[in-house]
Structures are given as structure tokens and as C-alpha cells.
PDB file of N, CA and C in Angstrom:
ATOM      1  N   MET A   1     113.212  44.904  52.979  1.00  0.00           N
ATOM      2  CA  MET A   1     114.115  44.789  54.356  1.00  0.00           C
ATOM      3  C   MET A   1     113.848  43.597  54.736  1.00  0.00           C
ATOM      4  N   GLU A   2     114.750  42.974  55.552  1.00  0.00           N
ATOM      5  CA  GLU A   2     115.008  41.884  56.677  1.00  0.00           C
ATOM      6  C   GLU A   2     114.235  42.303  57.784  1.00  0.00           C
ATOM      7  N   ALA A   3     113.140  41.744  58.410  1.00  0.00           N
ATOM      8  CA  ALA A   3     113.086  41.787  59.906  1.00  0.00           C
ATOM      9  C   ALA A   3     113.846  41.488  60.619  1.00  0.00           C
ATOM     10  N   LYS A   4     114.179  42.432  61.749  1.00  0.00           N
ATOM     11  CA  LYS A   4     115.334  41.986  63.062  1.00  0.00           C
ATOM     12  C   LYS A   4     114.495  42.303  64.322  1.00  0.00           C
ATOM     13  N   THR A   5     114.753  41.707  65.325  1.00  0.00           N
ATOM     14  CA  THR A   5     114.362  42.297  66.765  1.00  0.00           C
ATOM     15  C   THR A   5     114.754  43.056  67.058  1.00  0.00           C
ATOM     16  N   PHE A   6     114.282  43.596  68.087  1.00  0.00           N
ATOM     17  CA  PHE A   6     114.622  45.028  68.426  1.00  0.00           C
ATOM     18  C   PHE A   6     115.945  44.864  69.298  1.00  0.00           C
ATOM     19  N   MET A   7     116.645  44.093  69.857  1.00  0.00           N
ATOM     20  CA  MET A   7     118.071  43.683  70.276  1.00  0.00           C
ATOM     21  C   MET A   7     119.033  43.588  69.150  1.00  0.00           C
ATOM     22  N   GLU A   8     118.809  42.960  68.093  1.00  0.00           N
ATOM     23  CA  GLU A   8     119.349  43.232  66.448  1.00  0.00           C
ATOM     24  C   GLU A   8     119.765  44.954  66.108  1.00  0.00           C
ATOM     25  N   ILE A   9     118.588  45.212  66.286  1.00  0.00           N
ATOM     26  CA  ILE A   9     118.970  46.571  65.463  1.00  0.00           C
ATOM     27  C   ILE A   9     119.504  47.523  66.552  1.00  0.00           C
ATOM     28  N   TYR A  10     119.297  47.218  67.920  1.00  0.00           N
ATOM     29  CA  TYR A  10     120.534  47.973  69.002  1.00  0.00           C
ATOM     30  C   TYR A  10     121.653  47.526  68.714  1.00  0.00           C
ATOM     31  N   GLU A  11     121.847  46.086  68.741  1.00  0.00           N
ATOM     32  CA  GLU A  11     123.516  45.614  68.385  1.00  0.00           C
ATOM     33  C   GLU A  11     124.214  46.107  67.463  1.00  0.00           C
ATOM     34  N   GLY A  12     123.080  46.441  66.433  1.00  0.00           N
ATOM     35  CA  GLY A  12     123.777  47.247  65.173  1.00  0.00           C
ATOM     36  C   GLY A  12     123.978  48.569  65.041  1.00  0.00           C
ATOM     37  N   TYR A  13     123.585  49.536  66.230  1.00  0.00           N
ATOM     38  CA  TYR A  13     124.086  50.603  66.173  1.00  0.00           C
ATOM     39  C   TYR A  13     124.945  50.755  67.286  1.00  0.00           C
ATOM     40  N   ALA A  14     125.409  49.684  67.787  1.00  0.00           N
ATOM     41  CA  ALA A  14     126.546  49.482  69.147  1.00  0.00           C
ATOM     42  C   ALA A  14     127.978  49.737  68.291  1.00  0.00           C
ATOM     43  N   LYS A  15     127.631  48.677  67.455  1.00  0.00           N
ATOM     44  CA  LYS A  15     128.763  48.498  66.313  1.00  0.00           C
ATOM     45  C   LYS A  15     129.360  49.750  65.387  1.00  0.00           C
ATOM     46  N   ARG A  16     128.642  50.730  65.105  1.00  0.00           N
ATOM     47  CA  ARG A  16     129.248  51.311  64.308  1.00  0.00           C
ATOM     48  C   ARG A  16     129.752  52.365  65.237  1.00  0.00           C
ATOM     49  N   PRO A  17     131.016  52.778  64.687  1.00  0.00           N
ATOM     50  CA  PRO A  17     132.170  53.665  65.582  1.00  0.00           C
ATOM     51  C   PRO A  17     131.540  54.803  65.635  1.00  0.00           C
ATOM     52  N   PRO A  18     131.711  55.498  66.750  1.00  0.00           N
ATOM     53  CA  PRO A  18     131.276  56.520  67.217  1.00  0.00           C
ATOM     54  C   PRO A  18     131.746  57.771  66.071  1.00  0.00           C
ATOM     55  N   LEU A  19     130.615  58.785  66.046  1.00  0.00           N
ATOM     56  CA  LEU A  19     130.739  60.018  65.596  1.00  0.00           C
ATOM     57  C   LEU A  19     131.580  61.121  66.205  1.00  0.00           C
ATOM     58  N   PRO A  20     132.631  61.965  65.479  1.00  0.00           N
ATOM     59  CA  PRO A  20     133.702  62.472  65.911  1.00  0.00           C
ATOM     60  C   PRO A  20     132.967  64.073  66.120  1.00  0.00           C
ATOM     61  N   THR A  21     133.061  64.669  67.367  1.00  0.00           N
ATOM     62  CA  THR A  21     132.651  65.473  67.912  1.00  0.00           C
ATOM     63  C   THR A  21     133.146  66.922  67.120  1.00  0.00           C
ATOM     64  N   PRO A  22     132.392  68.043  66.869  1.00  0.00           N
ATOM     65  CA  PRO A  22     133.052  68.991  65.978  1.00  0.00           C
ATOM     66  C   PRO A  22     134.596  69.291  66.530  1.00  0.00           C
ATOM     67  N   ARG A  23     134.478  69.281  67.845  1.00  0.00           N
ATOM     68  CA  ARG A  23     136.519  69.566  68.726  1.00  0.00           C
ATOM     69  C   ARG A  23     136.850  68.904  67.885  1.00  0.00           C
ATOM     70  N   LYS A  24     136.875  67.713  67.825  1.00  0.00           N
ATOM     71  CA  LYS A  24     137.440  66.477  67.596  1.00  0.00           C
ATOM     72  C   LYS A  24     137.919  66.643  66.047  1.00  0.00           C
ATOM     73  N   GLU A  25     137.043  67.351  65.395  1.00  0.00           N
ATOM     74  CA  GLU A  25     137.251  67.494  63.949  1.00  0.00           C
ATOM     75  C   GLU A  25     138.143  68.757  63.539  1.00  0.00           C
ATOM     76  N   PHE A  26     137.827  69.472  64.200  1.00  0.00           N
ATOM     77  CA  PHE A  26     138.668  70.793  64.468  1.00  0.00           C
ATOM     78  C   PHE A  26     139.993  70.575  64.573  1.00  0.00           C
ATOM     79  N   MET A  27     140.369  69.531  65.834  1.00  0.00           N
ATOM     80  CA  MET A  27     141.687  69.440  66.226  1.00  0.00           C
ATOM     81  C   MET A  27     142.321  68.343  65.018  1.00  0.00           C
ATOM     82  N   ALA A  28     141.787  67.595  64.340  1.00  0.00           N
ATOM     83  CA  ALA A  28     142.277  66.532  63.602  1.00  0.00           C
ATOM     84  C   ALA A  28     142.548  67.711  62.142  1.00  0.00           C
ATOM     85  N   ARG A  29     141.909  68.438  61.717  1.00  0.00           N
ATOM     86  CA  ARG A  29     141.973  69.453  60.840  1.00  0.00           C
ATOM     87  C   ARG A  29     143.466  69.927  60.616  1.00  0.00           C
ATOM     88  N   ILE A  30     143.536  70.736  62.249  1.00  0.00           N
ATOM     89  CA  ILE A  30     144.739  71.379  62.550  1.00  0.00           C
ATOM     90  C   ILE A  30     145.780  70.640  62.614  1.00  0.00           C
ATOM     91  N   ALA A  31     145.632  69.542  62.964  1.00  0.00           N
ATOM     92  CA  ALA A  31     146.840  68.490  63.438  1.00  0.00           C
ATOM     93  C   ALA A  31     147.131  67.982  61.877  1.00  0.00           C
ATOM     94  N   ASP A  32     146.486  67.850  60.628  1.00  0.00           N
ATOM     95  CA  ASP A  32     146.742  67.398  59.599  1.00  0.00           C
ATOM     96  C   ASP A  32     147.488  68.703  59.069  1.00  0.00           C
ATOM     97  N   LEU A  33     147.184  69.794  59.055  1.00  0.00           N
ATOM     98  CA  LEU A  33     147.490  70.629  58.382  1.00  0.00           C
ATOM     99  C   LEU A  33     149.188  71.206  59.005  1.00  0.00           C
ATOM    100  N   THR A  34     148.927  71.012  60.187  1.00  0.00           N
ATOM    101  CA  THR A  34     150.426  71.273  60.424  1.00  0.00           C
ATOM    102  C   THR A  34     151.530  70.303  61.028  1.00  0.00           C
ATOM    103  N   LYS A  35     151.180  69.146  60.562  1.00  0.00           N
ATOM    104  CA  LYS A  35     151.788  67.973  60.627  1.00  0.00           C
ATOM    105  C   LYS A  35     151.976  67.521  61.896  1.00  0.00           C
ATOM    106  N   ARG A  36     151.326  67.895  63.127  1.00  0.00           N
ATOM    107  CA  ARG A  36     151.793  67.359  64.565  1.00  0.00           C
ATOM    108  C   ARG A  36     150.405  66.863  65.028  1.00  0.00           C
ATOM    109  N   SER A  37     150.356  66.039  66.035  1.00  0.00           N
ATOM    110  CA  SER A  37     149.915  64.990  66.961  1.00  0.00           C
ATOM    111  C   SER A  37     148.236  65.719  67.064  1.00  0.00           C
ATOM    112  N   GLU A  38     147.359  65.255  67.443  1.00  0.00           N
ATOM    113  CA  GLU A  38     146.054  65.803  68.100  1.00  0.00           C
ATOM    114  C   GLU A  38     146.546  66.244  69.422  1.00  0.00           C
ATOM    115  N   PHE A  39     147.148  65.430  70.095  1.00  0.00           N
ATOM    116  CA  PHE A  39     147.749  65.574  71.481  1.00  0.00           C
ATOM    117  C   PHE A  39     148.587  67.107  71.655  1.00  0.00           C
ATOM    118  N   THR A  40     149.478  67.430  70.664  1.00  0.00           N
ATOM    119  CA  THR A  40     149.754  68.604  70.604  1.00  0.00           C
ATOM    120  C   THR A  40     148.834  69.786  70.162  1.00  0.00           C
ATOM    121  N   VAL A  41     147.935  69.819  69.185  1.00  0.00           N
ATOM    122  CA  VAL A  41     146.602  70.777  68.891  1.00  0.00           C
ATOM    123  C   VAL A  41     146.101  70.939  70.269  1.00  0.00           C
ATOM    124  N   ARG A  42     146.048  69.788  71.351  1.00  0.00           N
ATOM    125  CA  ARG A  42     144.778  69.846  72.351  1.00  0.00           C
ATOM    126  C   ARG A  42     145.767  70.861  73.231  1.00  0.00           C
ATOM    127  N   MET A  43     147.189  71.018  73.397  1.00  0.00           N
ATOM    128  CA  MET A  43     147.955  71.737  74.388  1.00  0.00           C
ATOM    129  C   MET A  43     147.817  72.984  73.890  1.00  0.00           C
ATOM    130  N   TRP A  44     147.989  73.214  72.552  1.00  0.00           N
ATOM    131  CA  TRP A  44     147.921  74.888  71.749  1.00  0.00           C
ATOM    132  C   TRP A  44     145.984  75.103  72.501  1.00  0.00           C
ATOM    133  N   CYS A  45     145.263  74.510  71.842  1.00  0.00           N
ATOM    134  CA  CYS A  45     143.706  74.567  72.212  1.00  0.00           C
ATOM    135  C   CYS A  45     143.759  75.228  73.607  1.00  0.00           C
ATOM    136  N   THR A  46     144.502  74.837  74.481  1.00  0.00           N
ATOM    137  CA  THR A  46     143.935  74.880  75.828  1.00  0.00           C
ATOM    138  C   THR A  46     144.881  75.798  76.549  1.00  0.00           C
ATOM    139  N   GLY A  47     145.696  76.578  75.889  1.00  0.00           N
ATOM    140  CA  GLY A  47     146.708  77.408  76.272  1.00  0.00           C
ATOM    141  C   GLY A  47     148.028  76.807  77.181  1.00  0.00           C
ATOM    142  N   ARG A  48     148.351  75.416  77.227  1.00  0.00           N
ATOM    143  CA  ARG A  48     149.493  75.030  78.084  1.00  0.00           C
ATOM    144  C   ARG A  48     150.931  75.329  76.946  1.00  0.00           C
ATOM    145  N   GLN A  49     150.314  75.416  75.930  1.00  0.00           N
ATOM    146  CA  GLN A  49     151.568  75.390  75.059  1.00  0.00           C
ATOM    147  C   GLN A  49     151.221  76.357  73.864  1.00  0.00           C
ATOM    148  N   GLN A  50     152.224  76.925  72.816  1.00  0.00           N
ATOM    149  CA  GLN A  50     151.743  77.839  71.748  1.00  0.00           C
ATOM    150  C   GLN A  50     152.824  77.064  70.849  1.00  0.00           C
ATOM    151  N   PRO A  51     152.021  76.859  69.497  1.00  0.00           N
ATOM    152  CA  PRO A  51     152.471  76.397  68.142  1.00  0.00           C
ATOM    153  C   PRO A  51     153.544  77.388  68.125  1.00  0.00           C
ATOM    154  N   ASP A  52     154.588  76.521  67.233  1.00  0.00           N
ATOM    155  CA  ASP A  52     155.930  77.643  67.060  1.00  0.00           C
ATOM    156  C   ASP A  52     155.437  78.565  65.408  1.00  0.00           C
ATOM    157  N   ALA A  53     156.047  79.327  64.939  1.00  0.00           N
ATOM    158  CA  ALA A  53     156.085  80.572  64.080  1.00  0.00           C
ATOM    159  C   ALA A  53     155.244  79.970  62.564  1.00  0.00           C
ATOM    160  N   LEU A  54     155.831  79.106  62.154  1.00  0.00           N
ATOM    161  CA  LEU A  54     155.579  77.984  61.047  1.00  0.00           C
ATOM    162  C   LEU A  54     154.010  77.558  61.092  1.00  0.00           C
ATOM    163  N   ALA A  55     153.621  76.731  62.296  1.00  0.00           N
ATOM    164  CA  ALA A  55     152.355  76.470  62.642  1.00  0.00           C
ATOM    165  C   ALA A  55     151.415  77.503  62.712  1.00  0.00           C
ATOM    166  N   GLN A  56     151.865  78.608  63.294  1.00  0.00           N
ATOM    167  CA  GLN A  56     151.123  79.905  63.302  1.00  0.00           C
ATOM    168  C   GLN A  56     150.481  80.587  62.482  1.00  0.00           C
ATOM    169  N   SER A  57     151.212  80.556  61.394  1.00  0.00           N
ATOM    170  CA  SER A  57     151.227  80.611  59.899  1.00  0.00           C
ATOM    171  C   SER A  57     150.228  80.099  58.936  1.00  0.00           C
ATOM    172  N   VAL A  58     150.350  78.546  59.559  1.00  0.00           N
ATOM    173  CA  VAL A  58     149.740  77.697  58.658  1.00  0.00           C
ATOM    174  C   VAL A  58     147.940  77.898  59.022  1.00  0.00           C
ATOM    175  N   ILE A  59     147.855  77.762  60.364  1.00  0.00           N
ATOM    176  CA  ILE A  59     146.794  77.986  60.813  1.00  0.00           C
ATOM    177  C   ILE A  59     145.973  79.347  60.837  1.00  0.00           C
ATOM    178  N   SER A  60     146.911  80.417  61.205  1.00  0.00           N
ATOM    179  CA  SER A  60     146.244  81.643  60.476  1.00  0.00           C
ATOM    180  C   SER A  60     145.909  81.651  59.079  1.00  0.00           C
ATOM    181  N   LYS A  61     146.316  81.102  58.209  1.00  0.00           N
ATOM    182  CA  LYS A  61     146.113  81.166  57.058  1.00  0.00           C
ATOM    183  C   LYS A  61     144.431  80.200  57.095  1.00  0.00           C
ATOM    184  N   GLU A  62     145.041  79.343  57.458  1.00  0.00           N
ATOM    185  CA  GLU A  62     143.788  78.211  57.342  1.00  0.00           C
ATOM    186  C   GLU A  62     142.432  79.012  57.969  1.00  0.00           C
ATOM    187  N   LEU A  63     142.566  79.661  58.983  1.00  0.00           N
ATOM    188  CA  LEU A  63     141.327  80.065  59.782  1.00  0.00           C
ATOM    189  C   LEU A  63     140.764  81.830  59.122  1.00  0.00           C
ATOM    190  N   GLY A  64     141.924  82.462  58.411  1.00  0.00           N
ATOM    191  CA  GLY A  64     141.660  83.834  57.691  1.00  0.00           C
ATOM    192  C   GLY A  64     141.649  84.761  59.113  1.00  0.00           C
ATOM    193  N   ILE A  65     142.505  84.585  60.150  1.00  0.00           N
ATOM    194  CA  ILE A  65     142.881  85.368  61.434  1.00  0.00           C
ATOM    195  C   ILE A  65     144.203  85.493  61.928  1.00  0.00           C
ATOM    196  N   PRO A  66     144.709  86.922  61.930  1.00  0.00           N
ATOM    197  CA  PRO A  66     146.208  87.288  62.041  1.00  0.00           C
ATOM    198  C   PRO A  66     146.442  86.179  63.230  1.00  0.00           C
ATOM    199  N   ALA A  67     147.621  86.050  63.303  1.00  0.00           N
ATOM    200  CA  ALA A  67     148.519  85.065  64.222  1.00  0.00           C
ATOM    201  C   ALA A  67     148.409  85.753  65.571  1.00  0.00           C
ATOM    202  N   GLU A  68     148.545  87.031  65.688  1.00  0.00           N
ATOM    203  CA  GLU A  68     148.553  87.861  66.945  1.00  0.00           C
ATOM    204  C   GLU A  68     147.333  87.609  67.815  1.00  0.00           C
ATOM    205  N   THR A  69     146.345  87.549  66.766  1.00  0.00           N
ATOM    206  CA  THR A  69     145.008  87.550  67.359  1.00  0.00           C
ATOM    207  C   THR A  69     145.023  86.290  67.981  1.00  0.00           C
ATOM    208  N   LEU A  70     144.890  84.871  67.286  1.00  0.00           N
ATOM    209  CA  LEU A  70     145.103  83.564  67.594  1.00  0.00           C
ATOM    210  C   LEU A  70     145.991  83.521  68.668  1.00  0.00           C
ATOM    211  N   PHE A  71     147.467  83.936  68.788  1.00  0.00           N
ATOM    212  CA  PHE A  71     147.967  83.571  69.828  1.00  0.00           C
ATOM    213  C   PHE A  71     148.385  84.713  70.641  1.00  0.00           C
ATOM    214  N   PRO A  72     147.761  85.052  71.035  1.00  0.00           N
ATOM    215  CA  PRO A  72     148.701  86.345  71.981  1.00  0.00           C
ATOM    216  C   PRO A  72     149.851  85.960  72.896  1.00  0.00           C
ATOM    217  N   LYS A  73     150.766  87.057  72.783  1.00  0.00           N
ATOM    218  CA  LYS A  73     151.702  86.577  73.823  1.00  0.00           C
ATOM    219  C   LYS A  73     151.615  86.496  75.362  1.00  0.00           C
ATOM    220  N   MET A  74     152.162  85.425  75.947  1.00  0.00           N
ATOM    221  CA  MET A  74     151.382  85.194  77.004  1.00  0.00           C
ATOM    222  C   MET A  74     152.409  85.836  78.164  1.00  0.00           C
TER     223      MET A  74
END
């Protein structure tokens, strides 16, 4: 193992891409499954929009929870 300065070690960490959060991973997975953007999924997660029936069905199947439970009528 080559010897590095403290600053070189720090710079190595700074160059790594940030790790996704669990929320980000969840949104990315749902976006991929429904063929929608992560922005759209974020709107669903915050209750600003609701997915169409097909997307609700896909999400329901993936999560194993009825669509009526996941997306109650507003």
C-alpha cells in the first residue's frame, strides 16, 4: 500500500460520487418500474399527484400492497 498524505486521502474521498439515500433508491426503483421520471415519482410520494391506474397496478404488485391502500382517493 502506497503512503499518502492526510490531504491526499481526504481528496480521494471527495472525488467519490455520493451514495444514494434509501429514499432516492426507492424513487429510482419505482421510476424504472413505471417508466416515469423520478420527479413524477416524487410528486406521487408527496401526494401532489397520483399515478394512473397502470402505474398504480405496477407499484401495488411490486410492493405487495393493494393500490387502494397505497393511493386512497383524495
